[in-house]
C-alpha atoms as a PDB file:
ATOM      1  CA  UNK A   1     138.216  69.009 140.749  1.00  0.00           C
ATOM      2  CA  UNK A   2     139.130  72.197 142.597  1.00  0.00           C
ATOM      3  CA  UNK A   3     139.673  72.224 146.363  1.00  0.00           C
ATOM      4  CA  UNK A   4     138.254  75.759 146.819  1.00  0.00           C
ATOM      5  CA  UNK A   5     134.630  75.903 147.921  1.00  0.00           C
ATOM      6  CA  UNK A   6     132.629  77.127 144.946  1.00  0.00           C
ATOM      7  CA  UNK A   7     130.530  79.514 147.054  1.00  0.00           C
ATOM      8  CA  UNK A   8     133.670  81.517 147.950  1.00  0.00           C
ATOM      9  CA  UNK A   9     134.503  82.222 144.310  1.00  0.00           C
ATOM     10  CA  UNK A  10     133.769  85.515 142.624  1.00  0.00           C
ATOM     11  CA  UNK A  11     131.435  85.412 139.636  1.00  0.00           C
ATOM     12  CA  UNK A  12     134.384  85.896 137.289  1.00  0.00           C
ATOM     13  CA  UNK A  13     136.430  83.110 138.900  1.00  0.00           C
ATOM     14  CA  UNK A  14     133.473  80.706 138.911  1.00  0.00           C
ATOM     15  CA  UNK A  15     132.745  81.464 135.262  1.00  0.00           C
ATOM     16  CA  UNK A  16     136.404  81.011 134.261  1.00  0.00           C
ATOM     17  CA  UNK A  17     136.548  77.641 136.042  1.00  0.00           C
ATOM     18  CA  UNK A  18     133.260  76.606 134.419  1.00  0.00           C
ATOM     19  CA  UNK A  19     134.643  77.500 130.981  1.00  0.00           C
ATOM     20  CA  UNK A  20     137.736  75.347 131.640  1.00  0.00           C
ATOM     21  CA  UNK A  21     135.525  72.444 132.669  1.00  0.00           C
ATOM     22  CA  UNK A  22     133.471  72.764 129.484  1.00  0.00           C
ATOM     23  CA  UNK A  23     136.666  72.733 127.412  1.00  0.00           C
ATOM     24  CA  UNK A  24     137.911  69.623 129.223  1.00  0.00           C
ATOM     25  CA  UNK A  25     134.613  67.809 128.746  1.00  0.00           C
ATOM     26  CA  UNK A  26     134.383  68.817 125.084  1.00  0.00           C
ATOM     27  CA  UNK A  27     137.910  67.534 124.468  1.00  0.00           C
ATOM     28  CA  UNK A  28     136.774  64.130 125.712  1.00  0.00           C
ATOM     29  CA  UNK A  29     140.201  63.241 127.078  1.00  0.00           C
ATOM     30  CA  UNK A  30     139.166  62.706 130.704  1.00  0.00           C
ATOM     31  CA  UNK A  31     138.349  59.215 131.982  1.00  0.00           C
ATOM     32  CA  UNK A  32     134.710  58.512 132.810  1.00  0.00           C
ATOM     33  CA  UNK A  33     134.967  59.067 136.582  1.00  0.00           C
ATOM     34  CA  UNK A  34     136.915  62.311 136.086  1.00  0.00           C
ATOM     35  CA  UNK A  35     134.310  63.466 133.557  1.00  0.00           C
ATOM     36  CA  UNK A  36     131.531  62.794 136.057  1.00  0.00           C
ATOM     37  CA  UNK A  37     133.413  64.762 138.719  1.00  0.00           C
ATOM     38  CA  UNK A  38     133.987  67.628 136.279  1.00  0.00           C
ATOM     39  CA  UNK A  39     130.319  67.647 135.298  1.00  0.00           C
ATOM     40  CA  UNK A  40     129.260  67.704 138.969  1.00  0.00           C
ATOM     41  CA  UNK A  41     131.628  70.602 139.683  1.00  0.00           C
ATOM     42  CA  UNK A  42     130.334  72.387 136.598  1.00  0.00           C
ATOM     43  CA  UNK A  43     126.756  72.081 137.844  1.00  0.00           C
ATOM     44  CA  UNK A  44     127.766  73.598 141.204  1.00  0.00           C
ATOM     45  CA  UNK A  45     129.598  76.434 139.460  1.00  0.00           C
ATOM     46  CA  UNK A  46     126.597  77.085 137.217  1.00  0.00           C
ATOM     47  CA  UNK A  47     124.483  77.448 140.359  1.00  0.00           C
ATOM     48  CA  UNK A  48     127.011  79.830 141.910  1.00  0.00           C
ATOM     49  CA  UNK A  49     127.036  81.987 138.768  1.00  0.00           C
ATOM     50  CA  UNK A  50     123.232  82.062 138.593  1.00  0.00           C
ATOM     51  CA  UNK A  51     122.946  82.990 142.283  1.00  0.00           C
ATOM     52  CA  UNK A  52     125.511  85.772 141.961  1.00  0.00           C
ATOM     53  CA  UNK A  53     123.761  87.170 138.880  1.00  0.00           C
ATOM     54  CA  UNK A  54     120.399  87.069 140.671  1.00  0.00           C
ATOM     55  CA  UNK A  55     121.913  88.879 143.642  1.00  0.00           C
ATOM     56  CA  UNK A  56     123.425  91.537 141.418  1.00  0.00           C
ATOM     57  CA  UNK A  57     120.146  92.055 139.593  1.00  0.00           C
ATOM     58  CA  UNK A  58     118.314  92.475 142.891  1.00  0.00           C
ATOM     59  CA  UNK A  59     120.731  95.242 143.913  1.00  0.00           C
ATOM     60  CA  UNK A  60     120.319  97.246 140.730  1.00  0.00           C
ATOM     61  CA  UNK A  61     118.121 100.237 141.300  1.00  0.00           C
ATOM     62  CA  UNK A  62     116.479 102.507 138.759  1.00  0.00           C
ATOM     63  CA  UNK A  63     116.616 106.216 139.456  1.00  0.00           C
ATOM     64  CA  UNK A  64     113.216 107.847 139.701  1.00  0.00           C
ATOM     65  CA  UNK A  65     112.907 111.329 138.238  1.00  0.00           C
ATOM     66  CA  UNK A  66     110.332 114.022 138.721  1.00  0.00           C
ATOM     67  CA  UNK A  67     108.715 115.932 135.834  1.00  0.00           C
ATOM     68  CA  UNK A  68     111.739 118.257 135.671  1.00  0.00           C
ATOM     69  CA  UNK A  69     114.134 115.314 135.243  1.00  0.00           C
ATOM     70  CA  UNK A  70     115.633 115.655 138.710  1.00  0.00           C
ATOM     71  CA  UNK A  71     116.499 112.512 140.644  1.00  0.00           C
ATOM     72  CA  UNK A  72     114.065 112.106 143.534  1.00  0.00           C
ATOM     73  CA  UNK A  73     114.799 108.599 144.704  1.00  0.00           C
ATOM     74  CA  UNK A  74     115.339 105.043 143.648  1.00  0.00           C
ATOM     75  CA  UNK A  75     113.198 101.975 143.238  1.00  0.00           C
ATOM     76  CA  UNK A  76     114.117  98.289 142.957  1.00  0.00           C
ATOM     77  CA  UNK A  77     115.089  97.089 139.511  1.00  0.00           C
ATOM     78  CA  UNK A  78     112.274  95.360 137.635  1.00  0.00           C
ATOM     79  CA  UNK A  79     113.570  93.101 134.883  1.00  0.00           C
ATOM     80  CA  UNK A  80     110.094  92.499 133.486  1.00  0.00           C
END
């Protein structure tokens, strides 16, 4: 398990670590206790990735245009 707090990781670093954990678990070479620790870390990293994606989505703004196509402002991104 990594010593770095998962909340301090960038999205890319958290995702890369999560991918390594998945590979280790799929290989099936880790002892049971190590596999449980890896799975627990993977769950935390999954949460970090989801939170960072949600935060990024919330910051995305769509440009509002007037009838002439000129930018007149922004509005929050609506994924729906």
